[in-house]
Amino acid sequence: MQIDKLLIDFRNARDWGQHHTGPELARSLMIEAAELNRIFQWPLMERPIDETALADELADIAIYTRYLCQKYGINLDAAIIAKVDKNAEKYPING
């Protein structure tokens, strides 16, 4: 099953679409990014990184990113390629 369809079906089955405004999705994305940051808060104190928690937070970030892309009709793959192209022009290889 395509990931976007899985996410939309999951959301719609719970009637959460009403809460998926642009600002709400952006805030949720930022909250998940903060939770990701917390995993790395004290990495040098003999505490290994919890890879399951890391995967969960990265998945949450990706989910909210996909919901935002779906809401605004953005093709994420195309946006990534365009951004890499912009960055390549902005930061050329010095060689």
PDB file of N, CA and C in Angstrom:
ATOM      1  N   MET A   1       0.846  -1.185   0.000  1.00  0.00           N
ATOM      2  CA  MET A   1       0.000   0.000   0.000  1.00  0.00           C
ATOM      3  C   MET A   1       0.891   1.248   0.000  1.00  0.00           C
ATOM      4  N   GLN A   2       0.529   2.212  -0.777  1.00  0.00           N
ATOM      5  CA  GLN A   2       1.275   3.459  -0.843  1.00  0.00           C
ATOM      6  C   GLN A   2       1.190   4.167   0.514  1.00  0.00           C
ATOM      7  N   ILE A   3       2.311   4.721   0.969  1.00  0.00           N
ATOM      8  CA  ILE A   3       2.385   5.362   2.284  1.00  0.00           C
ATOM      9  C   ILE A   3       1.362   6.488   2.421  1.00  0.00           C
ATOM     10  N   ASP A   4       1.273   7.370   1.418  1.00  0.00           N
ATOM     11  CA  ASP A   4       0.339   8.493   1.520  1.00  0.00           C
ATOM     12  C   ASP A   4      -1.103   8.004   1.670  1.00  0.00           C
ATOM     13  N   LYS A   5      -1.478   6.982   0.931  1.00  0.00           N
ATOM     14  CA  LYS A   5      -2.833   6.438   1.046  1.00  0.00           C
ATOM     15  C   LYS A   5      -3.035   5.837   2.432  1.00  0.00           C
ATOM     16  N   LEU A   6      -2.044   5.126   2.936  1.00  0.00           N
ATOM     17  CA  LEU A   6      -2.122   4.553   4.279  1.00  0.00           C
ATOM     18  C   LEU A   6      -2.359   5.647   5.315  1.00  0.00           C
ATOM     19  N   LEU A   7      -1.603   6.738   5.196  1.00  0.00           N
ATOM     20  CA  LEU A   7      -1.737   7.835   6.159  1.00  0.00           C
ATOM     21  C   LEU A   7      -3.097   8.514   6.070  1.00  0.00           C
ATOM     22  N   ILE A   8      -3.543   8.780   4.860  1.00  0.00           N
ATOM     23  CA  ILE A   8      -4.835   9.446   4.677  1.00  0.00           C
ATOM     24  C   ILE A   8      -5.967   8.544   5.165  1.00  0.00           C
ATOM     25  N   ASP A   9      -5.906   7.257   4.842  1.00  0.00           N
ATOM     26  CA  ASP A   9      -6.930   6.323   5.316  1.00  0.00           C
ATOM     27  C   ASP A   9      -6.948   6.263   6.843  1.00  0.00           C
ATOM     28  N   PHE A  10      -5.777   6.227   7.463  1.00  0.00           N
ATOM     29  CA  PHE A  10      -5.659   6.207   8.926  1.00  0.00           C
ATOM     30  C   PHE A  10      -6.298   7.451   9.523  1.00  0.00           C
ATOM     31  N   ARG A  11      -5.936   8.615   8.968  1.00  0.00           N
ATOM     32  CA  ARG A  11      -6.473   9.890   9.452  1.00  0.00           C
ATOM     33  C   ARG A  11      -7.987   9.951   9.274  1.00  0.00           C
ATOM     34  N   ASN A  12      -8.455   9.603   8.093  1.00  0.00           N
ATOM     35  CA  ASN A  12      -9.881   9.706   7.798  1.00  0.00           C
ATOM     36  C   ASN A  12     -10.725   8.757   8.640  1.00  0.00           C
ATOM     37  N   ALA A  13     -10.209   7.573   8.933  1.00  0.00           N
ATOM     38  CA  ALA A  13     -10.938   6.609   9.753  1.00  0.00           C
ATOM     39  C   ALA A  13     -11.175   7.151  11.160  1.00  0.00           C
ATOM     40  N   ARG A  14     -10.335   8.077  11.599  1.00  0.00           N
ATOM     41  CA  ARG A  14     -10.447   8.656  12.934  1.00  0.00           C
ATOM     42  C   ARG A  14     -11.054  10.060  12.914  1.00  0.00           C
ATOM     43  N   ASP A  15     -11.424  10.521  11.730  1.00  0.00           N
ATOM     44  CA  ASP A  15     -11.998  11.850  11.544  1.00  0.00           C
ATOM     45  C   ASP A  15     -11.064  12.947  12.066  1.00  0.00           C
ATOM     46  N   TRP A  16      -9.766  12.788  11.817  1.00  0.00           N
ATOM     47  CA  TRP A  16      -8.782  13.774  12.262  1.00  0.00           C
ATOM     48  C   TRP A  16      -8.527  14.856  11.224  1.00  0.00           C
ATOM     49  N   GLY A  17      -9.055  14.700  10.019  1.00  0.00           N
ATOM     50  CA  GLY A  17      -8.800  15.662   8.963  1.00  0.00           C
ATOM     51  C   GLY A  17      -9.187  17.079   9.340  1.00  0.00           C
ATOM     52  N   GLN A  18     -10.222  17.214  10.160  1.00  0.00           N
ATOM     53  CA  GLN A  18     -10.676  18.530  10.591  1.00  0.00           C
ATOM     54  C   GLN A  18      -9.608  19.273  11.389  1.00  0.00           C
ATOM     55  N   HIS A  19      -8.684  18.550  11.974  1.00  0.00           N
ATOM     56  CA  HIS A  19      -7.620  19.156  12.774  1.00  0.00           C
ATOM     57  C   HIS A  19      -6.344  19.391  11.961  1.00  0.00           C
ATOM     58  N   HIS A  20      -6.324  18.928  10.740  1.00  0.00           N
ATOM     59  CA  HIS A  20      -5.114  18.999   9.927  1.00  0.00           C
ATOM     60  C   HIS A  20      -5.068  20.272   9.086  1.00  0.00           C
ATOM     61  N   THR A  21      -5.121  21.387   9.780  1.00  0.00           N
ATOM     62  CA  THR A  21      -4.917  22.672   9.114  1.00  0.00           C
ATOM     63  C   THR A  21      -3.410  22.863   8.931  1.00  0.00           C
ATOM     64  N   GLY A  22      -3.036  23.767   8.062  1.00  0.00           N
ATOM     65  CA  GLY A  22      -1.614  24.045   7.867  1.00  0.00           C
ATOM     66  C   GLY A  22      -0.899  24.401   9.169  1.00  0.00           C
ATOM     67  N   PRO A  23      -1.430  25.369   9.939  1.00  0.00           N
ATOM     68  CA  PRO A  23      -0.762  25.729  11.189  1.00  0.00           C
ATOM     69  C   PRO A  23      -0.685  24.584  12.195  1.00  0.00           C
ATOM     70  N   GLU A  24      -1.754  23.800  12.300  1.00  0.00           N
ATOM     71  CA  GLU A  24      -1.743  22.676  13.247  1.00  0.00           C
ATOM     72  C   GLU A  24      -0.718  21.621  12.842  1.00  0.00           C
ATOM     73  N   LEU A  25      -0.651  21.328  11.562  1.00  0.00           N
ATOM     74  CA  LEU A  25       0.337  20.352  11.088  1.00  0.00           C
ATOM     75  C   LEU A  25       1.752  20.870  11.286  1.00  0.00           C
ATOM     76  N   ALA A  26       1.975  22.147  11.026  1.00  0.00           N
ATOM     77  CA  ALA A  26       3.312  22.735  11.218  1.00  0.00           C
ATOM     78  C   ALA A  26       3.712  22.684  12.691  1.00  0.00           C
ATOM     79  N   ARG A  27       2.775  23.003  13.583  1.00  0.00           N
ATOM     80  CA  ARG A  27       3.078  22.930  15.026  1.00  0.00           C
ATOM     81  C   ARG A  27       3.387  21.494  15.436  1.00  0.00           C
ATOM     82  N   SER A  28       2.597  20.567  14.938  1.00  0.00           N
ATOM     83  CA  SER A  28       2.840  19.158  15.272  1.00  0.00           C
ATOM     84  C   SER A  28       4.206  18.702  14.769  1.00  0.00           C
ATOM     85  N   LEU A  29       4.573  19.155  13.594  1.00  0.00           N
ATOM     86  CA  LEU A  29       5.887  18.827  13.050  1.00  0.00           C
ATOM     87  C   LEU A  29       6.994  19.356  13.961  1.00  0.00           C
ATOM     88  N   MET A  30       6.834  20.580  14.438  1.00  0.00           N
ATOM     89  CA  MET A  30       7.845  21.172  15.320  1.00  0.00           C
ATOM     90  C   MET A  30       7.920  20.444  16.666  1.00  0.00           C
ATOM     91  N   ILE A  31       6.790  20.020  17.178  1.00  0.00           N
ATOM     92  CA  ILE A  31       6.771  19.258  18.435  1.00  0.00           C
ATOM     93  C   ILE A  31       7.526  17.950  18.262  1.00  0.00           C
ATOM     94  N   GLU A  32       7.290  17.277  17.152  1.00  0.00           N
ATOM     95  CA  GLU A  32       7.987  16.013  16.902  1.00  0.00           C
ATOM     96  C   GLU A  32       9.488  16.245  16.720  1.00  0.00           C
ATOM     97  N   ALA A  33       9.864  17.341  16.075  1.00  0.00           N
ATOM     98  CA  ALA A  33      11.286  17.661  15.920  1.00  0.00           C
ATOM     99  C   ALA A  33      11.927  17.912  17.292  1.00  0.00           C
ATOM    100  N   ALA A  34      11.195  18.548  18.192  1.00  0.00           N
ATOM    101  CA  ALA A  34      11.710  18.762  19.548  1.00  0.00           C
ATOM    102  C   ALA A  34      11.876  17.433  20.285  1.00  0.00           C
ATOM    103  N   GLU A  35      10.946  16.520  20.076  1.00  0.00           N
ATOM    104  CA  GLU A  35      11.068  15.203  20.695  1.00  0.00           C
ATOM    105  C   GLU A  35      12.270  14.456  20.139  1.00  0.00           C
ATOM    106  N   LEU A  36      12.546  14.625  18.855  1.00  0.00           N
ATOM    107  CA  LEU A  36      13.751  14.040  18.260  1.00  0.00           C
ATOM    108  C   LEU A  36      14.996  14.632  18.919  1.00  0.00           C
ATOM    109  N   ASN A  37      15.003  15.927  19.103  1.00  0.00           N
ATOM    110  CA  ASN A  37      16.143  16.600  19.715  1.00  0.00           C
ATOM    111  C   ASN A  37      16.399  16.090  21.128  1.00  0.00           C
ATOM    112  N   ARG A  38      15.332  15.783  21.851  1.00  0.00           N
ATOM    113  CA  ARG A  38      15.472  15.296  23.223  1.00  0.00           C
ATOM    114  C   ARG A  38      16.253  13.975  23.284  1.00  0.00           C
ATOM    115  N   ILE A  39      16.107  13.151  22.252  1.00  0.00           N
ATOM    116  CA  ILE A  39      16.847  11.880  22.210  1.00  0.00           C
ATOM    117  C   ILE A  39      18.348  12.131  22.254  1.00  0.00           C
ATOM    118  N   PHE A  40      18.781  13.236  21.645  1.00  0.00           N
ATOM    119  CA  PHE A  40      20.212  13.550  21.574  1.00  0.00           C
ATOM    120  C   PHE A  40      20.662  14.525  22.647  1.00  0.00           C
ATOM    121  N   GLN A  41      19.808  14.834  23.594  1.00  0.00           N
ATOM    122  CA  GLN A  41      20.116  15.851  24.591  1.00  0.00           C
ATOM    123  C   GLN A  41      21.366  15.527  25.414  1.00  0.00           C
ATOM    124  N   TRP A  42      21.508  14.312  25.840  1.00  0.00           N
ATOM    125  CA  TRP A  42      22.661  13.929  26.657  1.00  0.00           C
ATOM    126  C   TRP A  42      23.339  12.684  26.101  1.00  0.00           C
ATOM    127  N   PRO A  43      23.803  12.717  24.868  1.00  0.00           N
ATOM    128  CA  PRO A  43      24.324  11.489  24.248  1.00  0.00           C
ATOM    129  C   PRO A  43      25.684  11.044  24.766  1.00  0.00           C
ATOM    130  N   LEU A  44      26.414  11.911  25.421  1.00  0.00           N
ATOM    131  CA  LEU A  44      27.767  11.549  25.844  1.00  0.00           C
ATOM    132  C   LEU A  44      27.822  11.070  27.288  1.00  0.00           C
ATOM    133  N   MET A  45      26.706  10.849  27.917  1.00  0.00           N
ATOM    134  CA  MET A  45      26.687  10.476  29.331  1.00  0.00           C
ATOM    135  C   MET A  45      26.490   8.973  29.490  1.00  0.00           C
ATOM    136  N   GLU A  46      27.211   8.216  28.660  1.00  0.00           N
ATOM    137  CA  GLU A  46      27.178   6.750  28.717  1.00  0.00           C
ATOM    138  C   GLU A  46      25.768   6.203  28.534  1.00  0.00           C
ATOM    139  N   ARG A  47      24.955   6.927  27.818  1.00  0.00           N
ATOM    140  CA  ARG A  47      23.604   6.475  27.526  1.00  0.00           C
ATOM    141  C   ARG A  47      23.504   6.230  26.029  1.00  0.00           C
ATOM    142  N   PRO A  48      23.306   4.998  25.628  1.00  0.00           N
ATOM    143  CA  PRO A  48      23.193   4.738  24.185  1.00  0.00           C
ATOM    144  C   PRO A  48      21.920   5.359  23.617  1.00  0.00           C
ATOM    145  N   ILE A  49      21.959   5.655  22.351  1.00  0.00           N
ATOM    146  CA  ILE A  49      20.789   6.176  21.669  1.00  0.00           C
ATOM    147  C   ILE A  49      19.750   5.060  21.565  1.00  0.00           C
ATOM    148  N   ASP A  50      18.541   5.360  21.947  1.00  0.00           N
ATOM    149  CA  ASP A  50      17.434   4.409  21.827  1.00  0.00           C
ATOM    150  C   ASP A  50      16.978   4.435  20.368  1.00  0.00           C
ATOM    151  N   GLU A  51      17.410   3.440  19.606  1.00  0.00           N
ATOM    152  CA  GLU A  51      17.134   3.432  18.165  1.00  0.00           C
ATOM    153  C   GLU A  51      15.649   3.269  17.848  1.00  0.00           C
ATOM    154  N   THR A  52      14.906   2.622  18.720  1.00  0.00           N
ATOM    155  CA  THR A  52      13.463   2.498  18.512  1.00  0.00           C
ATOM    156  C   THR A  52      12.797   3.856  18.675  1.00  0.00           C
ATOM    157  N   ALA A  53      13.174   4.586  19.714  1.00  0.00           N
ATOM    158  CA  ALA A  53      12.625   5.932  19.918  1.00  0.00           C
ATOM    159  C   ALA A  53      13.032   6.851  18.776  1.00  0.00           C
ATOM    160  N   LEU A  54      14.272   6.728  18.322  1.00  0.00           N
ATOM    161  CA  LEU A  54      14.747   7.530  17.201  1.00  0.00           C
ATOM    162  C   LEU A  54      13.911   7.250  15.947  1.00  0.00           C
ATOM    163  N   ALA A  55      13.685   5.991  15.648  1.00  0.00           N
ATOM    164  CA  ALA A  55      12.877   5.619  14.483  1.00  0.00           C
ATOM    165  C   ALA A  55      11.447   6.141  14.618  1.00  0.00           C
ATOM    166  N   ASP A  56      10.889   6.054  15.828  1.00  0.00           N
ATOM    167  CA  ASP A  56       9.523   6.542  16.055  1.00  0.00           C
ATOM    168  C   ASP A  56       9.423   8.046  15.792  1.00  0.00           C
ATOM    169  N   GLU A  57      10.369   8.810  16.318  1.00  0.00           N
ATOM    170  CA  GLU A  57      10.324  10.267  16.135  1.00  0.00           C
ATOM    171  C   GLU A  57      10.555  10.657  14.677  1.00  0.00           C
ATOM    172  N   LEU A  58      11.489   9.985  14.015  1.00  0.00           N
ATOM    173  CA  LEU A  58      11.704  10.266  12.592  1.00  0.00           C
ATOM    174  C   LEU A  58      10.458   9.936  11.780  1.00  0.00           C
ATOM    175  N   ALA A  59       9.778   8.853  12.138  1.00  0.00           N
ATOM    176  CA  ALA A  59       8.534   8.490  11.455  1.00  0.00           C
ATOM    177  C   ALA A  59       7.469   9.554  11.688  1.00  0.00           C
ATOM    178  N   ASP A  60       7.344  10.042  12.930  1.00  0.00           N
ATOM    179  CA  ASP A  60       6.369  11.094  13.220  1.00  0.00           C
ATOM    180  C   ASP A  60       6.653  12.344  12.386  1.00  0.00           C
ATOM    181  N   ILE A  61       7.908  12.721  12.284  1.00  0.00           N
ATOM    182  CA  ILE A  61       8.295  13.884  11.481  1.00  0.00           C
ATOM    183  C   ILE A  61       7.932  13.663  10.014  1.00  0.00           C
ATOM    184  N   ALA A  62       8.233  12.487   9.506  1.00  0.00           N
ATOM    185  CA  ALA A  62       7.916  12.173   8.113  1.00  0.00           C
ATOM    186  C   ALA A  62       6.402  12.168   7.885  1.00  0.00           C
ATOM    187  N   ILE A  63       5.645  11.661   8.843  1.00  0.00           N
ATOM    188  CA  ILE A  63       4.187  11.623   8.708  1.00  0.00           C
ATOM    189  C   ILE A  63       3.621  13.033   8.607  1.00  0.00           C
ATOM    190  N   TYR A  64       4.019  13.915   9.519  1.00  0.00           N
ATOM    191  CA  TYR A  64       3.495  15.285   9.465  1.00  0.00           C
ATOM    192  C   TYR A  64       3.975  16.013   8.214  1.00  0.00           C
ATOM    193  N   THR A  65       5.187  15.727   7.776  1.00  0.00           N
ATOM    194  CA  THR A  65       5.678  16.325   6.537  1.00  0.00           C
ATOM    195  C   THR A  65       4.809  15.878   5.365  1.00  0.00           C
ATOM    196  N   ARG A  66       4.494  14.589   5.309  1.00  0.00           N
ATOM    197  CA  ARG A  66       3.655  14.075   4.227  1.00  0.00           C
ATOM    198  C   ARG A  66       2.236  14.646   4.283  1.00  0.00           C
ATOM    199  N   TYR A  67       1.694  14.793   5.493  1.00  0.00           N
ATOM    200  CA  TYR A  67       0.369  15.406   5.601  1.00  0.00           C
ATOM    201  C   TYR A  67       0.389  16.843   5.071  1.00  0.00           C
ATOM    202  N   LEU A  68       1.431  17.594   5.402  1.00  0.00           N
ATOM    203  CA  LEU A  68       1.546  18.968   4.894  1.00  0.00           C
ATOM    204  C   LEU A  68       1.665  18.985   3.370  1.00  0.00           C
ATOM    205  N   CYS A  69       2.482  18.095   2.837  1.00  0.00           N
ATOM    206  CA  CYS A  69       2.629  18.024   1.376  1.00  0.00           C
ATOM    207  C   CYS A  69       1.305  17.671   0.720  1.00  0.00           C
ATOM    208  N   GLN A  70       0.593  16.719   1.289  1.00  0.00           N
ATOM    209  CA  GLN A  70      -0.696  16.319   0.737  1.00  0.00           C
ATOM    210  C   GLN A  70      -1.667  17.491   0.774  1.00  0.00           C
ATOM    211  N   LYS A  71      -1.691  18.208   1.884  1.00  0.00           N
ATOM    212  CA  LYS A  71      -2.622  19.332   2.044  1.00  0.00           C
ATOM    213  C   LYS A  71      -2.387  20.413   1.001  1.00  0.00           C
ATOM    214  N   TYR A  72      -1.121  20.691   0.683  1.00  0.00           N
ATOM    215  CA  TYR A  72      -0.786  21.786  -0.223  1.00  0.00           C
ATOM    216  C   TYR A  72      -0.404  21.329  -1.628  1.00  0.00           C
ATOM    217  N   GLY A  73      -0.605  20.048  -1.911  1.00  0.00           N
ATOM    218  CA  GLY A  73      -0.360  19.549  -3.257  1.00  0.00           C
ATOM    219  C   GLY A  73       1.110  19.561  -3.658  1.00  0.00           C
ATOM    220  N   ILE A  74       1.984  19.337  -2.698  1.00  0.00           N
ATOM    221  CA  ILE A  74       3.423  19.339  -2.965  1.00  0.00           C
ATOM    222  C   ILE A  74       3.898  17.904  -3.157  1.00  0.00           C
ATOM    223  N   ASN A  75       4.591  17.667  -4.258  1.00  0.00           N
ATOM    224  CA  ASN A  75       5.231  16.378  -4.497  1.00  0.00           C
ATOM    225  C   ASN A  75       6.564  16.415  -3.745  1.00  0.00           C
ATOM    226  N   LEU A  76       6.662  15.653  -2.664  1.00  0.00           N
ATOM    227  CA  LEU A  76       7.840  15.712  -1.801  1.00  0.00           C
ATOM    228  C   LEU A  76       9.116  15.319  -2.534  1.00  0.00           C
ATOM    229  N   ASP A  77       9.059  14.271  -3.339  1.00  0.00           N
ATOM    230  CA  ASP A  77      10.252  13.857  -4.085  1.00  0.00           C
ATOM    231  C   ASP A  77      10.723  14.967  -5.015  1.00  0.00           C
ATOM    232  N   ALA A  78       9.787  15.595  -5.728  1.00  0.00           N
ATOM    233  CA  ALA A  78      10.142  16.686  -6.642  1.00  0.00           C
ATOM    234  C   ALA A  78      10.694  17.883  -5.871  1.00  0.00           C
ATOM    235  N   ALA A  79      10.110  18.171  -4.701  1.00  0.00           N
ATOM    236  CA  ALA A  79      10.585  19.289  -3.889  1.00  0.00           C
ATOM    237  C   ALA A  79      12.004  19.037  -3.384  1.00  0.00           C
ATOM    238  N   ILE A  80      12.295  17.805  -3.008  1.00  0.00           N
ATOM    239  CA  ILE A  80      13.641  17.460  -2.540  1.00  0.00           C
ATOM    240  C   ILE A  80      14.646  17.610  -3.677  1.00  0.00           C
ATOM    241  N   ILE A  81      14.303  17.103  -4.841  1.00  0.00           N
ATOM    242  CA  ILE A  81      15.211  17.208  -5.993  1.00  0.00           C
ATOM    243  C   ILE A  81      15.460  18.672  -6.335  1.00  0.00           C
ATOM    244  N   ALA A  82      14.398  19.484  -6.342  1.00  0.00           N
ATOM    245  CA  ALA A  82      14.552  20.911  -6.647  1.00  0.00           C
ATOM    246  C   ALA A  82      15.436  21.597  -5.614  1.00  0.00           C
ATOM    247  N   LYS A  83      15.292  21.228  -4.341  1.00  0.00           N
ATOM    248  CA  LYS A  83      16.097  21.838  -3.281  1.00  0.00           C
ATOM    249  C   LYS A  83      17.558  21.422  -3.394  1.00  0.00           C
ATOM    250  N   VAL A  84      17.813  20.171  -3.718  1.00  0.00           N
ATOM    251  CA  VAL A  84      19.194  19.722  -3.919  1.00  0.00           C
ATOM    252  C   VAL A  84      19.823  20.482  -5.079  1.00  0.00           C
ATOM    253  N   ASP A  85      19.062  20.681  -6.149  1.00  0.00           N
ATOM    254  CA  ASP A  85      19.566  21.451  -7.291  1.00  0.00           C
ATOM    255  C   ASP A  85      19.888  22.883  -6.882  1.00  0.00           C
ATOM    256  N   LYS A  86      19.015  23.516  -6.112  1.00  0.00           N
ATOM    257  CA  LYS A  86      19.273  24.872  -5.620  1.00  0.00           C
ATOM    258  C   LYS A  86      20.528  24.908  -4.749  1.00  0.00           C
ATOM    259  N   ASN A  87      20.647  23.922  -3.863  1.00  0.00           N
ATOM    260  CA  ASN A  87      21.816  23.877  -2.977  1.00  0.00           C
ATOM    261  C   ASN A  87      23.102  23.631  -3.751  1.00  0.00           C
ATOM    262  N   ALA A  88      23.025  22.826  -4.808  1.00  0.00           N
ATOM    263  CA  ALA A  88      24.203  22.574  -5.630  1.00  0.00           C
ATOM    264  C   ALA A  88      24.680  23.852  -6.309  1.00  0.00           C
ATOM    265  N   GLU A  89      23.718  24.670  -6.716  1.00  0.00           N
ATOM    266  CA  GLU A  89      24.079  25.949  -7.336  1.00  0.00           C
ATOM    267  C   GLU A  89      24.608  26.928  -6.297  1.00  0.00           C
ATOM    268  N   LYS A  90      24.000  26.929  -5.142  1.00  0.00           N
ATOM    269  CA  LYS A  90      24.406  27.846  -4.066  1.00  0.00           C
ATOM    270  C   LYS A  90      25.746  27.446  -3.450  1.00  0.00           C
ATOM    271  N   TYR A  91      26.004  26.158  -3.376  1.00  0.00           N
ATOM    272  CA  TYR A  91      27.218  25.632  -2.749  1.00  0.00           C
ATOM    273  C   TYR A  91      27.951  24.738  -3.740  1.00  0.00           C
ATOM    274  N   PRO A  92      28.579  25.335  -4.757  1.00  0.00           N
ATOM    275  CA  PRO A  92      29.271  24.504  -5.754  1.00  0.00           C
ATOM    276  C   PRO A  92      30.468  23.790  -5.161  1.00  0.00           C
ATOM    277  N   ILE A  93      30.841  22.717  -5.811  1.00  0.00           N
ATOM    278  CA  ILE A  93      32.030  21.971  -5.404  1.00  0.00           C
ATOM    279  C   ILE A  93      33.243  22.795  -5.793  1.00  0.00           C
ATOM    280  N   ASN A  94      34.102  23.023  -4.851  1.00  0.00           N
ATOM    281  CA  ASN A  94      35.331  23.783  -5.112  1.00  0.00           C
ATOM    282  C   ASN A  94      36.390  22.816  -5.568  1.00  0.00           C
ATOM    283  N   GLY A  95      36.567  22.706  -6.831  1.00  0.00           N
ATOM    284  CA  GLY A  95      37.534  21.737  -7.283  1.00  0.00           C
ATOM    285  C   GLY A  95      38.051  22.088  -8.585  1.00  0.00           C
TER     286      GLY A  95
END
